C-alpha atoms as a PDB file:
ATOM      1  CA  MET A   1     -16.239  -4.980  55.410  1.00  0.00           C
ATOM      2  CA  ALA A   2     -12.847  -2.753  55.652  1.00  0.00           C
ATOM      3  CA  ARG A   3     -11.073  -1.341  52.522  1.00  0.00           C
ATOM      4  CA  ASP A   4      -7.810  -1.819  50.900  1.00  0.00           C
ATOM      5  CA  LEU A   5      -5.338   1.139  51.171  1.00  0.00           C
ATOM      6  CA  ILE A   6      -2.800   1.860  48.205  1.00  0.00           C
ATOM      7  CA  ILE A   7       0.160   4.300  49.986  1.00  0.00           C
ATOM      8  CA  GLY A   8       3.173   5.262  48.639  1.00  0.00           C
ATOM      9  CA  GLY A   9       5.560   7.662  49.344  1.00  0.00           C
ATOM     10  CA  ALA A  10       6.857  10.496  47.085  1.00  0.00           C
ATOM     11  CA  ALA A  11       9.937  12.957  47.607  1.00  0.00           C
ATOM     12  CA  GLY A  12      10.541  16.166  44.783  1.00  0.00           C
ATOM     13  CA  TYR A  13       7.570  15.040  42.330  1.00  0.00           C
ATOM     14  CA  ASP A  14       4.795  17.259  40.762  1.00  0.00           C
ATOM     15  CA  TRP A  15       1.750  15.866  39.609  1.00  0.00           C
ATOM     16  CA  ASP A  16       3.106  15.233  36.329  1.00  0.00           C
ATOM     17  CA  LYS A  17       4.798  12.506  37.739  1.00  0.00           C
ATOM     18  CA  LEU A  18       2.642  11.072  40.157  1.00  0.00           C
ATOM     19  CA  LYS A  19      -0.792  11.385  38.020  1.00  0.00           C
ATOM     20  CA  TYR A  20       0.268   7.824  35.846  1.00  0.00           C
ATOM     21  CA  TRP A  21       0.605   6.051  39.389  1.00  0.00           C
ATOM     22  CA  VAL A  22      -3.060   7.745  40.762  1.00  0.00           C
ATOM     23  CA  ASN A  23      -4.299   7.331  37.017  1.00  0.00           C
ATOM     24  CA  SER A  24      -3.710   3.563  36.571  1.00  0.00           C
ATOM     25  CA  ILE A  25      -5.013   2.833  40.008  1.00  0.00           C
ATOM     26  CA  LYS A  26      -8.620   4.282  39.530  1.00  0.00           C
ATOM     27  CA  LYS A  27      -8.484   2.655  35.819  1.00  0.00           C
ATOM     28  CA  SER A  28      -7.908  -0.747  37.758  1.00  0.00           C
ATOM     29  CA  GLY A  29     -10.783  -0.521  39.034  1.00  0.00           C
ATOM     30  CA  PHE A  30      -9.672  -0.391  43.306  1.00  0.00           C
ATOM     31  CA  ARG A  31     -12.308   1.394  45.289  1.00  0.00           C
ATOM     32  CA  GLY A  32     -10.380   1.866  48.500  1.00  0.00           C
ATOM     33  CA  ASP A  33      -8.757   4.746  49.443  1.00  0.00           C
ATOM     34  CA  ILE A  34      -5.478   5.884  48.017  1.00  0.00           C
ATOM     35  CA  MET A  35      -2.646   8.060  49.934  1.00  0.00           C
ATOM     36  CA  VAL A  36       0.511   9.359  49.422  1.00  0.00           C
ATOM     37  CA  VAL A  37       3.331  10.502  52.009  1.00  0.00           C
ATOM     38  CA  ALA A  38       5.662  12.962  50.730  1.00  0.00           C
ATOM     39  CA  THR A  39       7.901  15.603  51.458  1.00  0.00           C
ATOM     40  CA  ASN A  40       9.718  18.466  49.094  1.00  0.00           C
ATOM     41  CA  ILE A  41       6.143  18.714  47.738  1.00  0.00           C
ATOM     42  CA  THR A  42       4.578  22.115  46.472  1.00  0.00           C
ATOM     43  CA  ALA A  43       0.774  23.251  47.651  1.00  0.00           C
ATOM     44  CA  GLU A  44      -0.314  22.982  43.629  1.00  0.00           C
ATOM     45  CA  THR A  45       0.931  19.585  43.826  1.00  0.00           C
ATOM     46  CA  ILE A  46      -1.084  18.554  47.215  1.00  0.00           C
ATOM     47  CA  ALA A  47      -4.115  20.591  46.262  1.00  0.00           C
ATOM     48  CA  LYS A  48      -4.199  18.791  42.524  1.00  0.00           C
ATOM     49  CA  LEU A  49      -3.665  15.066  44.589  1.00  0.00           C
ATOM     50  CA  SER A  50      -6.503  16.324  46.662  1.00  0.00           C
ATOM     51  CA  GLU A  51      -8.494  17.380  43.985  1.00  0.00           C
ATOM     52  CA  GLU A  52      -7.965  13.589  42.685  1.00  0.00           C
ATOM     53  CA  LYS A  53      -9.450  12.121  46.280  1.00  0.00           C
ATOM     54  CA  VAL A  54      -5.572  10.644  47.171  1.00  0.00           C
ATOM     55  CA  LEU A  55      -5.072  11.608  50.896  1.00  0.00           C
ATOM     56  CA  VAL A  56      -1.851  13.503  51.635  1.00  0.00           C
ATOM     57  CA  THR A  57       0.338  13.269  54.626  1.00  0.00           C
ATOM     58  CA  ALA A  58       2.913  16.113  53.702  1.00  0.00           C
ATOM     59  CA  TYR A  59       6.026  16.209  56.014  1.00  0.00           C
ATOM     60  CA  GLY A  60       8.887  18.588  56.683  1.00  0.00           C
ATOM     61  CA  GLN A  61       9.330  22.518  56.724  1.00  0.00           C
ATOM     62  CA  ARG A  62       6.125  24.295  55.934  1.00  0.00           C
ATOM     63  CA  ASP A  63       6.756  27.606  53.879  1.00  0.00           C
ATOM     64  CA  GLU A  64       3.739  30.449  54.098  1.00  0.00           C
ATOM     65  CA  ASN A  65       2.843  28.890  50.654  1.00  0.00           C
ATOM     66  CA  GLY A  66       1.900  25.953  51.741  1.00  0.00           C
ATOM     67  CA  ASN A  67       4.628  24.171  50.221  1.00  0.00           C
ATOM     68  CA  PHE A  68       7.042  21.617  52.037  1.00  0.00           C
ATOM     69  CA  THR A  69      10.503  20.845  52.031  1.00  0.00           C
ATOM     70  CA  GLN A  70      12.714  18.090  54.180  1.00  0.00           C
ATOM     71  CA  HIS A  71      13.679  19.136  56.998  1.00  0.00           C
ATOM     72  CA  SER A  72      16.259  16.121  57.806  1.00  0.00           C
ATOM     73  CA  ASN A  73      19.417  14.800  55.986  1.00  0.00           C
ATOM     74  CA  GLY A  74      18.222  11.268  55.758  1.00  0.00           C
ATOM     75  CA  ALA A  75      17.340   9.482  52.902  1.00  0.00           C
ATOM     76  CA  PRO A  76      13.382   9.923  51.573  1.00  0.00           C
ATOM     77  CA  HIS A  77      13.837   6.136  50.621  1.00  0.00           C
ATOM     78  CA  VAL A  78      14.087   5.277  54.265  1.00  0.00           C
ATOM     79  CA  GLU A  79      11.928   8.313  56.041  1.00  0.00           C
ATOM     80  CA  ARG A  80       8.952   7.249  53.638  1.00  0.00           C
ATOM     81  CA  PHE A  81       8.449   4.028  55.839  1.00  0.00           C
ATOM     82  CA  PHE A  82       8.555   5.920  59.216  1.00  0.00           C
ATOM     83  CA  TYR A  83       5.711   8.209  57.897  1.00  0.00           C
ATOM     84  CA  MET A  84       3.853   5.567  56.686  1.00  0.00           C
ATOM     85  CA  TRP A  85       4.197   3.098  59.496  1.00  0.00           C
ATOM     86  CA  ASN A  86       3.187   6.348  61.599  1.00  0.00           C
ATOM     87  CA  ILE A  87      -0.092   7.061  59.607  1.00  0.00           C
ATOM     88  CA  LEU A  88      -1.372   3.700  60.120  1.00  0.00           C
ATOM     89  CA  ASN A  89      -0.263   3.251  63.194  1.00  0.00           C
ATOM     90  CA  GLU A  90      -2.075   6.603  64.385  1.00  0.00           C
ATOM     91  CA  MET A  91      -5.593   5.185  62.472  1.00  0.00           C
ATOM     92  CA  LYS A  92      -8.345   4.491  64.438  1.00  0.00           C
ATOM     93  CA  GLU A  93      -9.808   1.679  61.512  1.00  0.00           C
ATOM     94  CA  ASN A  94      -7.775  -1.062  60.236  1.00  0.00           C
ATOM     95  CA  TYR A  95      -8.001  -1.351  56.431  1.00  0.00           C
ATOM     96  CA  ALA A  96      -7.895  -5.467  55.101  1.00  0.00           C
ATOM     97  CA  HIS A  97      -4.755  -4.932  52.921  1.00  0.00           C
ATOM     98  CA  VAL A  98      -2.635  -2.233  52.762  1.00  0.00           C
ATOM     99  CA  ILE A  99      -0.721  -2.152  49.339  1.00  0.00           C
ATOM    100  CA  THR A 100       2.603   0.091  49.586  1.00  0.00           C
ATOM    101  CA  THR A 101       4.623   0.724  46.502  1.00  0.00           C
ATOM    102  CA  ASP A 102       6.865   3.042  44.398  1.00  0.00           C
ATOM    103  CA  THR A 103       4.980   6.257  42.778  1.00  0.00           C
ATOM    104  CA  ARG A 104       7.200   7.549  39.836  1.00  0.00           C
ATOM    105  CA  ASP A 105       7.744   4.530  38.123  1.00  0.00           C
ATOM    106  CA  VAL A 106       5.044   2.225  38.896  1.00  0.00           C
ATOM    107  CA  VAL A 107       1.899   1.465  37.209  1.00  0.00           C
ATOM    108  CA  PHE A 108      -1.218  -0.626  38.060  1.00  0.00           C
ATOM    109  CA  GLN A 109      -3.180  -3.103  35.133  1.00  0.00           C
ATOM    110  CA  SER A 110      -5.759  -4.534  37.666  1.00  0.00           C
ATOM    111  CA  ASN A 111      -7.067  -4.229  41.171  1.00  0.00           C
ATOM    112  CA  PRO A 112      -4.748  -5.326  43.442  1.00  0.00           C
ATOM    113  CA  SER A 113      -7.336  -6.228  46.053  1.00  0.00           C
ATOM    114  CA  THR A 114      -8.958  -8.917  43.655  1.00  0.00           C
ATOM    115  CA  TRP A 115      -5.208 -10.633  42.948  1.00  0.00           C
ATOM    116  CA  LEU A 116      -4.933 -10.332  47.256  1.00  0.00           C
ATOM    117  CA  ASN A 117      -8.314 -11.891  47.705  1.00  0.00           C
ATOM    118  CA  THR A 118      -7.603 -14.550  45.121  1.00  0.00           C
ATOM    119  CA  TRP A 119      -4.184 -15.653  45.468  1.00  0.00           C
ATOM    120  CA  MET A 120      -3.098 -14.903  49.403  1.00  0.00           C
ATOM    121  CA  THR A 121      -3.101 -18.444  50.539  1.00  0.00           C
ATOM    122  CA  VAL A 122      -3.657 -19.375  54.605  1.00  0.00           C
ATOM    123  CA  GLY A 123      -0.779 -18.438  56.400  1.00  0.00           C
ATOM    124  CA  LYS A 124       0.727 -15.995  54.472  1.00  0.00           C
ATOM    125  CA  THR A 125       0.228 -12.715  55.482  1.00  0.00           C
ATOM    126  CA  LEU A 126       2.623 -10.779  53.153  1.00  0.00           C
ATOM    127  CA  VAL A 127       3.155 -10.786  49.440  1.00  0.00           C
ATOM    128  CA  CYS A 128       6.476  -9.387  47.733  1.00  0.00           C
ATOM    129  CA  SER A 129       8.051  -9.812  44.107  1.00  0.00           C
ATOM    130  CA  SER A 130      11.319 -11.220  42.732  1.00  0.00           C
ATOM    131  CA  GLU A 131      13.647  -9.467  40.758  1.00  0.00           C
ATOM    132  CA  GLY A 132      14.802 -12.562  39.022  1.00  0.00           C
ATOM    133  CA  LEU A 133      18.316 -12.602  39.853  1.00  0.00           C
ATOM    134  CA  LEU A 134      20.413 -13.583  42.904  1.00  0.00           C
ATOM    135  CA  TYR A 135      22.266 -11.365  44.857  1.00  0.00           C
ATOM    136  CA  LYS A 136      25.862 -11.766  43.863  1.00  0.00           C
ATOM    137  CA  ASP A 137      24.452 -11.754  40.171  1.00  0.00           C
ATOM    138  CA  GLU A 138      22.944  -8.103  40.281  1.00  0.00           C
ATOM    139  CA  PRO A 139      26.451  -5.621  40.456  1.00  0.00           C
ATOM    140  CA  TRP A 140      24.026  -2.771  42.442  1.00  0.00           C
ATOM    141  CA  GLY A 141      22.505  -4.701  44.608  1.00  0.00           C
ATOM    142  CA  ASN A 142      25.492  -6.977  45.547  1.00  0.00           C
ATOM    143  CA  GLN A 143      27.237  -3.992  46.282  1.00  0.00           C
ATOM    144  CA  ASN A 144      24.716  -2.164  48.120  1.00  0.00           C
ATOM    145  CA  LEU A 145      23.837  -5.415  50.367  1.00  0.00           C
ATOM    146  CA  HIS A 146      27.819  -5.536  51.346  1.00  0.00           C
ATOM    147  CA  ASP A 147      27.879  -1.654  51.915  1.00  0.00           C
ATOM    148  CA  ALA A 148      24.854  -1.873  54.483  1.00  0.00           C
ATOM    149  CA  PHE A 149      25.717  -5.083  55.909  1.00  0.00           C
ATOM    150  CA  GLY A 150      29.584  -5.755  55.743  1.00  0.00           C
ATOM    151  CA  PRO A 151      31.468  -8.616  54.262  1.00  0.00           C
ATOM    152  CA  TYR A 152      30.484 -11.365  56.558  1.00  0.00           C
ATOM    153  CA  PHE A 153      26.553 -10.770  56.124  1.00  0.00           C
ATOM    154  CA  HIS A 154      26.869 -10.204  52.564  1.00  0.00           C
ATOM    155  CA  ASN A 155      28.887 -13.470  51.996  1.00  0.00           C
ATOM    156  CA  VAL A 156      26.066 -15.240  53.670  1.00  0.00           C
ATOM    157  CA  PHE A 157      23.200 -13.699  51.956  1.00  0.00           C
ATOM    158  CA  LYS A 158      24.738 -12.973  48.563  1.00  0.00           C
ATOM    159  CA  GLU A 159      23.146 -16.092  47.223  1.00  0.00           C
ATOM    160  CA  ASN A 160      19.776 -14.969  47.565  1.00  0.00           C
ATOM    161  CA  MET A 161      16.930 -14.157  45.655  1.00  0.00           C
ATOM    162  CA  ILE A 162      16.663 -10.433  45.671  1.00  0.00           C
ATOM    163  CA  TYR A 163      13.106  -9.218  46.295  1.00  0.00           C
ATOM    164  CA  ASN A 164      11.763  -5.988  45.594  1.00  0.00           C
ATOM    165  CA  VAL A 165      10.838  -3.596  48.613  1.00  0.00           C
ATOM    166  CA  GLY A 166       8.899  -0.814  45.963  1.00  0.00           C
ATOM    167  CA  THR A 167       6.026  -3.169  45.788  1.00  0.00           C
ATOM    168  CA  ILE A 168       4.758  -5.236  48.833  1.00  0.00           C
ATOM    169  CA  ALA A 169       1.319  -6.285  50.682  1.00  0.00           C
ATOM    170  CA  GLY A 170      -0.350  -7.635  53.003  1.00  0.00           C
ATOM    171  CA  GLN A 171      -2.649  -7.673  56.189  1.00  0.00           C
ATOM    172  CA  PHE A 172      -2.664  -4.133  57.618  1.00  0.00           C
ATOM    173  CA  GLU A 173      -0.965  -4.806  61.008  1.00  0.00           C
ATOM    174  CA  TYR A 174       1.617  -7.060  59.245  1.00  0.00           C
ATOM    175  CA  VAL A 175       2.199  -4.589  56.972  1.00  0.00           C
ATOM    176  CA  LYS A 176       2.328  -1.967  59.693  1.00  0.00           C
ATOM    177  CA  ASP A 177       4.949  -3.736  61.639  1.00  0.00           C
ATOM    178  CA  LEU A 178       7.096  -4.585  58.749  1.00  0.00           C
ATOM    179  CA  LEU A 179       7.106  -0.625  57.531  1.00  0.00           C
ATOM    180  CA  LEU A 180       8.598   0.183  61.325  1.00  0.00           C
ATOM    181  CA  MET A 181      11.308  -3.005  61.395  1.00  0.00           C
ATOM    182  CA  ILE A 182      12.457  -2.079  57.744  1.00  0.00           C
ATOM    183  CA  PHE A 183      13.108   2.006  58.932  1.00  0.00           C
ATOM    184  CA  GLN A 184      14.619   0.890  62.376  1.00  0.00           C
ATOM    185  CA  MET A 185      16.376  -1.215  60.732  1.00  0.00           C
ATOM    186  CA  SER A 186      17.731   1.046  57.731  1.00  0.00           C
ATOM    187  CA  ILE A 187      19.099   4.168  60.448  1.00  0.00           C
ATOM    188  CA  ASN A 188      22.761   4.317  61.710  1.00  0.00           C
ATOM    189  CA  ARG A 189      23.882   2.281  58.638  1.00  0.00           C
ATOM    190  CA  PRO A 190      26.902   3.121  56.525  1.00  0.00           C
ATOM    191  CA  ILE A 191      25.546   4.094  53.559  1.00  0.00           C
ATOM    192  CA  PRO A 192      21.872   6.115  53.705  1.00  0.00           C
ATOM    193  CA  ILE A 193      20.238   4.055  50.919  1.00  0.00           C
ATOM    194  CA  VAL A 194      19.429   0.363  52.421  1.00  0.00           C
ATOM    195  CA  ASP A 195      15.457  -0.057  52.277  1.00  0.00           C
ATOM    196  CA  GLN A 196      16.317  -3.038  50.028  1.00  0.00           C
ATOM    197  CA  ALA A 197      19.065  -4.821  51.662  1.00  0.00           C
ATOM    198  CA  VAL A 198      17.045  -4.359  55.080  1.00  0.00           C
ATOM    199  CA  PHE A 199      13.786  -5.751  53.162  1.00  0.00           C
ATOM    200  CA  ASN A 200      15.490  -8.694  52.011  1.00  0.00           C
ATOM    201  CA  PHE A 201      17.636  -9.037  55.442  1.00  0.00           C
ATOM    202  CA  LEU A 202      14.510  -9.042  57.067  1.00  0.00           C
ATOM    203  CA  VAL A 203      12.521 -11.533  54.333  1.00  0.00           C
ATOM    204  CA  SER A 204      14.977 -14.460  54.502  1.00  0.00           C
ATOM    205  CA  GLN A 205      14.805 -14.374  58.351  1.00  0.00           C
ATOM    206  CA  GLN A 206      11.786 -15.658  60.621  1.00  0.00           C
ATOM    207  CA  PRO A 207       9.039 -15.001  61.193  1.00  0.00           C
ATOM    208  CA  TYR A 208       8.779 -13.581  57.963  1.00  0.00           C
ATOM    209  CA  SER A 209      10.229 -15.940  55.606  1.00  0.00           C
ATOM    210  CA  ASN A 210       7.117 -18.086  56.521  1.00  0.00           C
ATOM    211  CA  LYS A 211       4.651 -15.675  56.735  1.00  0.00           C
ATOM    212  CA  ILE A 212       5.633 -13.648  53.197  1.00  0.00           C
ATOM    213  CA  LEU A 213       4.307 -15.118  49.406  1.00  0.00           C
ATOM    214  CA  LYS A 214       7.168 -14.497  47.350  1.00  0.00           C
ATOM    215  CA  THR A 215       6.223 -14.254  44.377  1.00  0.00           C
ATOM    216  CA  THR A 216       8.031 -15.161  40.943  1.00  0.00           C
ATOM    217  CA  ASN A 217       6.558 -13.468  37.366  1.00  0.00           C
ATOM    218  CA  ARG A 218       4.228 -16.408  37.484  1.00  0.00           C
ATOM    219  CA  ASP A 219       1.998 -15.497  39.908  1.00  0.00           C
ATOM    220  CA  ALA A 220       1.185 -12.397  37.637  1.00  0.00           C
ATOM    221  CA  TRP A 221       1.536  -9.790  40.778  1.00  0.00           C
ATOM    222  CA  ALA A 222       4.631  -7.435  40.578  1.00  0.00           C
ATOM    223  CA  ILE A 223       6.875  -7.160  37.485  1.00  0.00           C
ATOM    224  CA  GLN A 224      10.432  -5.290  38.035  1.00  0.00           C
ATOM    225  CA  LEU A 225      11.090  -4.542  34.580  1.00  0.00           C
ATOM    226  CA  GLY A 226      14.787  -2.952  35.433  1.00  0.00           C
ATOM    227  CA  THR A 227      16.069  -6.833  35.822  1.00  0.00           C
ATOM    228  CA  THR A 228      14.502  -8.115  32.844  1.00  0.00           C
ATOM    229  CA  VAL A 229      16.101  -8.786  28.969  1.00  0.00           C
ATOM    230  CA  GLU A 230      14.340  -5.993  27.338  1.00  0.00           C
ATOM    231  CA  ALA A 231      15.792  -3.083  30.171  1.00  0.00           C
ATOM    232  CA  ILE A 232      19.343  -5.080  29.928  1.00  0.00           C
ATOM    233  CA  LYS A 233      19.484  -4.831  26.227  1.00  0.00           C
ATOM    234  CA  ALA A 234      18.627  -0.748  26.493  1.00  0.00           C
ATOM    235  CA  GLY A 235      21.219  -0.657  28.521  1.00  0.00           C
ATOM    236  CA  GLY A 236      19.799  -0.209  31.733  1.00  0.00           C
ATOM    237  CA  GLY A 237      22.015  -0.850  35.190  1.00  0.00           C
ATOM    238  CA  ASP A 238      24.991  -2.109  35.494  1.00  0.00           C
ATOM    239  CA  ILE A 239      24.577  -5.388  33.426  1.00  0.00           C
ATOM    240  CA  GLY A 240      23.091  -3.504  30.342  1.00  0.00           C
ATOM    241  CA  GLN A 241      25.966  -0.816  30.396  1.00  0.00           C
ATOM    242  CA  ALA A 242      28.342  -3.611  30.743  1.00  0.00           C
ATOM    243  CA  ALA A 243      26.262  -5.592  27.835  1.00  0.00           C
ATOM    244  CA  LEU A 244      26.382  -2.849  25.486  1.00  0.00           C
ATOM    245  CA  LYS A 245      30.255  -3.156  25.407  1.00  0.00           C
ATOM    246  CA  ASP A 246      30.733  -7.107  25.361  1.00  0.00           C
ATOM    247  CA  ALA A 247      27.985  -9.277  24.388  1.00  0.00           C
ATOM    248  CA  SER A 248      29.030 -12.039  26.542  1.00  0.00           C
ATOM    249  CA  VAL A 249      27.465 -10.344  29.750  1.00  0.00           C
ATOM    250  CA  LEU A 250      23.869 -10.366  27.751  1.00  0.00           C
ATOM    251  CA  GLU A 251      24.650 -14.143  27.239  1.00  0.00           C
ATOM    252  CA  LYS A 252      25.616 -14.475  31.190  1.00  0.00           C
ATOM    253  CA  TYR A 253      22.706 -12.358  32.588  1.00  0.00           C
ATOM    254  CA  LYS A 254      20.531 -14.769  30.607  1.00  0.00           C
ATOM    255  CA  SER A 255      21.786 -18.003  32.278  1.00  0.00           C
ATOM    256  CA  ASP A 256      21.632 -15.973  35.493  1.00  0.00           C
ATOM    257  CA  TYR A 257      18.020 -14.852  35.021  1.00  0.00           C
ATOM    258  CA  LYS A 258      16.124 -17.239  37.318  1.00  0.00           C
ATOM    259  CA  ASP A 259      12.310 -16.372  36.214  1.00  0.00           C
ATOM    260  CA  THR A 260      10.577 -16.003  33.359  1.00  0.00           C
ATOM    261  CA  GLN A 261      10.500 -13.111  31.326  1.00  0.00           C
ATOM    262  CA  PRO A 262       7.658 -11.042  30.624  1.00  0.00           C
ATOM    263  CA  PHE A 263       5.873 -10.061  27.606  1.00  0.00           C
ATOM    264  CA  ILE A 264       4.994  -6.796  25.775  1.00  0.00           C
ATOM    265  CA  ASP A 265       2.315  -6.529  23.954  1.00  0.00           C
ATOM    266  CA  GLY A 266       1.651  -3.476  20.925  1.00  0.00           C
ATOM    267  CA  ASP A 267      -1.062  -1.825  23.666  1.00  0.00           C
ATOM    268  CA  GLY A 268       1.869  -1.593  26.371  1.00  0.00           C
ATOM    269  CA  THR A 269       0.272  -4.175  28.757  1.00  0.00           C
ATOM    270  CA  VAL A 270       2.561  -6.380  29.982  1.00  0.00           C
ATOM    271  CA  TYR A 271       2.016 -10.154  30.371  1.00  0.00           C
ATOM    272  CA  THR A 272       3.508 -13.005  32.811  1.00  0.00           C
ATOM    273  CA  LYS A 273       4.463 -14.762  29.379  1.00  0.00           C
ATOM    274  CA  GLU A 274       2.778 -14.613  25.473  1.00  0.00           C
ATOM    275  CA  GLY A 275      -0.957 -15.708  25.876  1.00  0.00           C
ATOM    276  CA  GLY A 276      -0.357 -15.329  29.849  1.00  0.00           C
ATOM    277  CA  THR A 277      -1.935 -12.941  32.320  1.00  0.00           C
ATOM    278  CA  PRO A 278      -1.268  -9.142  32.615  1.00  0.00           C
ATOM    279  CA  PHE A 279       0.844  -8.520  35.801  1.00  0.00           C
ATOM    280  CA  CYS A 280      -1.138  -6.508  38.295  1.00  0.00           C
ATOM    281  CA  ILE A 281       1.695  -3.830  38.939  1.00  0.00           C
ATOM    282  CA  VAL A 282       3.810  -2.822  36.516  1.00  0.00           C
ATOM    283  CA  HIS A 283       7.193  -1.580  38.287  1.00  0.00           C
ATOM    284  CA  GLN A 284      10.576   0.616  36.505  1.00  0.00           C
ATOM    285  CA  TYR A 285       8.633   0.670  33.217  1.00  0.00           C
ATOM    286  CA  ASP A 286      10.868   3.706  32.379  1.00  0.00           C
ATOM    287  CA  ARG A 287      13.853   1.425  32.276  1.00  0.00           C
ATOM    288  CA  VAL A 288      12.108  -0.288  28.863  1.00  0.00           C
ATOM    289  CA  PRO A 289      12.315   2.708  26.072  1.00  0.00           C
ATOM    290  CA  SER A 290       9.692   0.991  23.830  1.00  0.00           C
ATOM    291  CA  LEU A 291       7.371   0.550  26.899  1.00  0.00           C
ATOM    292  CA  LYS A 292       7.814   3.777  28.390  1.00  0.00           C
ATOM    293  CA  ASN A 293       5.567   6.300  26.044  1.00  0.00           C
ATOM    294  CA  LYS A 294       2.850   3.772  25.868  1.00  0.00           C
ATOM    295  CA  ILE A 295       2.414   4.019  29.638  1.00  0.00           C
ATOM    296  CA  LEU A 296       2.422   7.283  29.817  1.00  0.00           C
ATOM    297  CA  GLU A 297      -0.140   7.348  26.701  1.00  0.00           C
ATOM    298  CA  LYS A 298      -2.014   5.021  28.383  1.00  0.00           C
ATOM    299  CA  PHE A 299      -2.250   6.731  32.049  1.00  0.00           C
ATOM    300  CA  ASP A 300      -2.386  10.363  31.260  1.00  0.00           C
ATOM    301  CA  ASP A 301      -5.080  12.574  32.482  1.00  0.00           C
ATOM    302  CA  LYS A 302      -5.960  14.313  29.188  1.00  0.00           C
END
């Protein structure tokens, strides 16, 4: 039976930034392959990842010491999709599922293979996670959508829910081709950081809209903490900064948030609700100060 793959992009990260992602995957019980696609990475970090049985594909200009630096002016956020696609495209054997995530601010609380085998319904080949806000209600995302696609399409899509591009998964062939589509639709746009806007554009259209399982916080796939109330209270993002100055902004945010708020226990485990199910993936944990240090301590390698 084919194994699963977790693959993430990394640019400018050393082991001290990547170890929480790697260690959490191992602690989750995941038994597939772990891979990093990286640039601006040192030979020392590559060696440490390899020692931890992480497959590394480094790209860019390699110096005499084995360090890699980015060789283009492209945004690493976008370039990663090409390199991840290229690796999958050149493989002689397919994986069953591919899970692709950010690396610096992502940890796994449970085995993603178990979640995918349990919850991927018939006819669904991909899965993504809601951020709980419509585009029109999230200032950064709203401006990013406008700048990436222009005023006409912004007006068409601003009422859509935002889905996060940093925690997606699915069947091998479908993830592979989605990565290529994200890359191809991201290049030559007016701004460099467009991967999230492009992803949301794609998953709102057929055939993706019928093939992708769009999860909410009730489904326990992935929690996007950057748009949750604890991050807002801590001053996270444009909404959080505005809320620190004007209490009415927080109240408006609470009415705008379309999902259920997560519950964080004293151990630093994030649940769907109090007494609920632990999320498989926790993303943007560094946006919640009361959680960050607990996560770092839990998944350190000491």
